Protein backbone atom coordinates (compact mmCIF):
# COMPACT_ATOMS: atom_id res chain seq x y z
CA MET A 1 68.08 -93.52 98.74
CA GLY A 2 69.34 -89.90 99.00
CA GLY A 3 67.85 -87.70 101.69
CA ASN A 4 70.23 -86.97 104.48
CA ASN A 5 72.89 -88.76 103.36
CA GLY A 6 76.31 -88.20 105.18
CA ARG A 7 74.84 -85.67 107.59
CA SER A 8 76.48 -86.02 111.13
CA ILE A 9 74.11 -86.71 113.98
CA ILE A 10 74.11 -86.80 117.65
CA ARG A 11 71.72 -88.77 119.48
CA GLY A 12 71.66 -87.93 123.18
CA GLY A 13 72.30 -85.48 125.75
CA THR A 14 74.56 -83.41 123.64
CA VAL A 15 72.71 -81.44 120.95
CA GLY A 16 75.48 -79.05 119.70
CA GLY A 17 78.53 -79.58 117.36
CA THR A 18 76.38 -81.28 114.65
CA THR A 19 76.49 -80.54 110.81
CA GLY A 20 73.52 -80.74 108.24
CA GLY A 21 70.98 -79.34 111.01
CA LEU A 22 70.51 -82.78 112.69
CA GLY A 23 70.09 -82.23 116.46
CA GLY A 24 69.73 -84.66 119.51
CA ASP A 25 67.15 -87.34 120.07
CA GLY A 26 67.15 -90.03 122.73
CA GLY A 27 69.54 -90.66 125.55
CA GLY A 28 72.67 -92.24 124.12
CA ASN A 29 75.86 -90.95 123.01
CA PHE A 30 75.85 -91.88 119.49
CA GLN A 31 77.80 -89.65 116.91
CA GLY A 32 78.05 -90.59 113.55
CA THR A 33 76.49 -90.26 109.81
CA ILE A 34 73.47 -91.51 108.42
CA ASP A 35 73.78 -92.67 104.73
CA ASN A 36 72.45 -94.96 102.34
CA ILE A 37 68.68 -94.23 103.36
CA GLY A 38 66.14 -96.32 101.90
CA SER A 39 62.95 -98.26 102.82
CA LEU A 40 62.16 -101.24 105.06
CA LYS A 41 61.26 -102.83 101.92
CA ASP A 42 65.13 -103.10 101.30
CA MET A 43 65.05 -105.94 104.01
CA GLN A 44 65.69 -109.28 102.33
CA ASN A 45 64.05 -111.48 104.84
CA ARG A 46 60.39 -110.76 104.44
CA ASP A 47 59.62 -112.39 107.93
CA LEU A 48 61.87 -110.00 109.84
CA GLN A 49 60.33 -107.03 107.63
CA ARG A 50 56.92 -108.20 108.69
CA GLN A 51 57.79 -108.42 112.40
CA VAL A 52 59.43 -105.07 112.46
CA GLN A 53 56.30 -103.69 110.79
CA GLN A 54 54.25 -105.51 113.60
CA GLY A 55 56.35 -103.44 116.17
CA ILE A 56 55.65 -100.11 114.43
CA SER A 57 51.88 -100.98 114.17
CA LYS A 58 51.64 -101.98 117.97
CA PHE A 59 53.24 -98.74 118.73
CA GLU A 60 51.16 -96.48 116.57
CA SER A 61 48.01 -98.38 117.82
CA ARG A 62 48.93 -97.79 121.43
CA LEU A 63 49.96 -94.28 121.30
CA GLY A 64 47.45 -93.14 118.60
CA VAL A 65 50.24 -91.80 116.34
CA ARG A 66 51.63 -92.29 113.05
CA SER A 67 55.42 -92.87 112.36
CA ASN A 68 57.88 -93.51 109.55
CA VAL A 69 61.02 -95.79 109.82
CA LEU A 70 63.62 -96.10 107.22
CA LEU A 71 66.84 -98.23 106.58
CA ALA A 72 70.07 -96.55 106.67
CA ASP A 73 74.09 -97.23 107.19
CA LEU A 74 74.72 -96.19 110.67
CA GLN A 75 78.13 -95.86 112.34
CA GLY A 76 78.11 -97.63 115.73
CA ALA A 77 74.26 -98.01 116.21
CA VAL A 78 71.58 -100.59 115.65
CA GLY A 79 69.20 -97.70 115.62
CA VAL A 80 68.68 -93.98 116.07
CA ALA A 81 66.08 -91.30 116.28
CA ALA A 82 67.42 -88.10 114.70
CA THR A 83 65.73 -84.60 114.86
CA ASP A 84 66.13 -81.87 112.23
CA ARG A 85 66.79 -78.72 113.77
CA GLN A 86 65.35 -76.59 110.95
CA THR A 87 62.02 -78.61 110.79
CA GLY A 88 61.72 -80.18 114.11
CA LYS A 89 60.94 -83.54 112.56
CA THR A 90 62.25 -86.83 113.96
CA GLN A 91 63.22 -89.78 111.84
CA VAL A 92 63.74 -93.19 113.11
CA TYR A 93 66.48 -95.21 111.01
CA LEU A 94 67.30 -98.82 111.48
CA ASN A 95 70.94 -99.99 110.59
CA ARG A 96 71.19 -101.68 107.31
CA GLY A 97 74.12 -103.93 108.50
CA HIS A 98 71.96 -105.18 111.19
CA PHE A 99 68.37 -105.59 109.55
CA GLU A 100 68.96 -105.61 105.77
CA VAL A 101 70.25 -109.00 105.61
CA ALA A 102 69.52 -110.50 108.94
CA THR A 103 67.02 -113.22 109.73
CA PRO A 104 64.64 -113.36 112.72
CA ALA A 105 66.58 -115.84 114.52
CA ASP A 106 70.02 -113.33 113.93
CA VAL A 107 68.16 -110.47 115.68
CA LYS A 108 66.78 -112.66 118.44
CA ALA A 109 70.10 -113.88 119.26
CA TYR A 110 71.64 -110.39 119.14
CA LYS A 111 68.86 -109.36 121.58
CA LYS A 112 69.32 -112.55 123.77
CA LYS A 113 72.93 -111.59 124.73
CA SER A 114 71.67 -107.94 125.68
CA TYR A 115 68.86 -109.49 127.82
CA ASP A 116 71.01 -112.14 129.43
CA SER A 117 73.57 -109.82 130.39
CA GLY A 118 70.95 -107.56 132.25
CA PHE A 119 71.67 -104.50 129.80
CA LEU A 120 68.35 -104.47 127.90
CA THR A 121 65.02 -104.93 129.49
CA ARG A 122 63.64 -108.35 128.34
CA THR A 123 60.41 -108.30 126.22
CA ASN A 124 58.35 -110.88 124.34
CA LYS A 125 59.34 -109.84 120.91
CA PRO A 126 63.10 -109.28 120.58
CA THR A 127 62.88 -108.74 116.92
CA GLN A 128 60.58 -105.49 117.40
CA HIS A 129 62.90 -104.05 120.56
CA THR A 130 64.98 -101.72 118.51
CA VAL A 131 62.19 -100.22 116.32
CA VAL A 132 59.84 -99.67 119.27
CA HIS A 133 62.66 -98.15 121.65
CA GLU A 134 63.65 -95.71 119.06
CA LEU A 135 60.13 -94.84 118.14
CA ALA A 136 59.70 -94.08 121.87
CA HIS A 137 62.78 -91.65 121.67
CA ALA A 138 61.10 -90.05 118.55
CA LEU A 139 57.84 -89.58 120.57
CA TRP A 140 59.46 -87.79 123.59
CA ASN A 141 62.87 -86.69 124.82
CA ASN A 142 63.81 -84.03 127.62
CA HIS A 143 65.47 -81.72 125.11
CA ARG A 144 62.32 -80.64 123.35
CA LYS A 145 60.98 -77.38 124.63
CA ASP A 146 57.34 -77.29 123.03
CA PRO A 147 54.66 -76.87 125.60
CA LYS A 148 53.48 -80.40 125.47
CA SER A 149 56.83 -82.06 125.67
CA VAL A 150 57.76 -80.04 128.67
CA THR A 151 54.59 -80.70 130.45
CA ALA A 152 54.87 -84.36 129.96
CA GLY A 153 58.42 -84.20 130.98
CA LYS A 154 57.53 -83.07 134.54
CA ASP A 155 55.28 -85.98 135.06
CA ILE A 156 57.66 -88.53 133.32
CA ALA A 157 60.47 -87.18 135.71
CA LYS A 158 58.48 -88.05 138.67
CA VAL A 159 58.09 -91.67 137.49
CA TYR A 160 61.76 -91.72 136.84
CA LYS A 161 62.51 -90.78 140.33
CA GLN A 162 60.23 -93.40 141.73
CA PHE A 163 61.68 -95.97 139.28
CA LEU A 164 65.18 -95.22 140.38
CA ARG A 165 64.23 -95.24 144.20
CA GLU A 166 62.32 -98.66 143.67
CA ASN A 167 64.88 -100.07 141.52
CA PRO A 168 62.62 -102.85 139.81
CA LYS A 169 64.59 -105.88 138.89
CA GLN A 170 62.68 -106.60 135.68
CA TYR A 171 64.39 -103.88 134.16
CA GLY A 172 67.91 -103.74 132.26
CA SER A 173 70.67 -101.55 133.46
CA TYR A 174 70.30 -99.28 130.14
CA SER A 175 66.99 -98.02 131.61
CA ARG A 176 68.79 -96.48 134.44
CA LYS A 177 71.40 -94.48 132.21
CA ASN A 178 69.16 -91.37 132.09
CA ILE A 179 65.59 -90.22 131.91
CA ASN A 180 65.43 -90.70 128.01
CA GLU A 181 66.53 -94.37 127.84
CA PHE A 182 64.23 -94.83 130.89
CA TYR A 183 61.40 -93.78 129.04
CA ALA A 184 62.16 -95.83 125.78
CA GLU A 185 62.90 -98.90 127.57
CA VAL A 186 59.77 -98.79 129.84
CA MET A 187 57.64 -97.82 126.96
CA THR A 188 59.19 -100.81 125.05
CA LYS A 189 58.35 -102.97 127.83
CA GLY A 190 54.91 -101.82 128.09
CA ILE A 191 54.17 -102.45 124.33
CA LEU A 192 56.09 -105.60 123.76
CA GLY A 193 56.30 -107.19 127.37
CA LYS A 194 54.17 -107.42 130.43
CA SER A 195 52.96 -103.99 131.59
CA ASP A 196 53.45 -102.69 134.78
CA LYS A 197 52.92 -99.43 136.90
CA TYR A 198 55.85 -97.64 135.04
CA SER A 199 54.70 -98.40 131.64
CA ARG A 200 51.14 -97.78 132.27
CA ALA A 201 52.10 -94.42 133.90
CA LEU A 202 54.28 -93.34 130.80
CA ILE A 203 51.84 -94.50 128.09
CA ASN A 204 49.05 -92.52 130.01
CA ILE A 205 51.12 -89.51 130.29
CA SER A 206 52.11 -89.53 126.52
CA LYS A 207 48.57 -89.85 125.50
CA ARG A 208 47.14 -87.31 127.78
CA ASN A 209 49.63 -84.83 126.50
CA LYS A 210 49.15 -85.85 122.84
CA LEU A 211 52.81 -86.29 122.20
């Protein structure tokens, strides 16, 4: 508990107007607070905890990175990736209201609605979708100005333009919202679903630039 309690964040294209030094990450328009921060060990269903941890391990293994994920009370979001402007460190949080007391069946049912509606891109592991999606946001977003992110961004933008032009039907509408949601959804599909030329390209770009 403790840590960043009560600090406002914006996750998305707007990076100004926050308090507590937290800037934007990802591609959504979440505005809210992060409270009651704690460990994934707070999850009551051990099977769900294990599946979320498996998603984290898959992401780390494919990208060659280390990551940290915490539970928190979030307003209006299932998960967020928030960057501290002072340290530049990005932290992924999963919503306690969704994950702390849920079962794997609960999370699957929730994701199924988004899959069936065509909003999210379908994967083989719906219980791991949110955490991998947010870890992808934490790995890269187009607001970062460090050299490796800028270099990677140029190549990611080329893949994004190709993606919009070809409009592949196996992807949900959220992947077309902006370049950041494209990156997060395509990376999620590549790690948890059937890999394709888009996911292979983004994973290669990410690894080549050591994001």
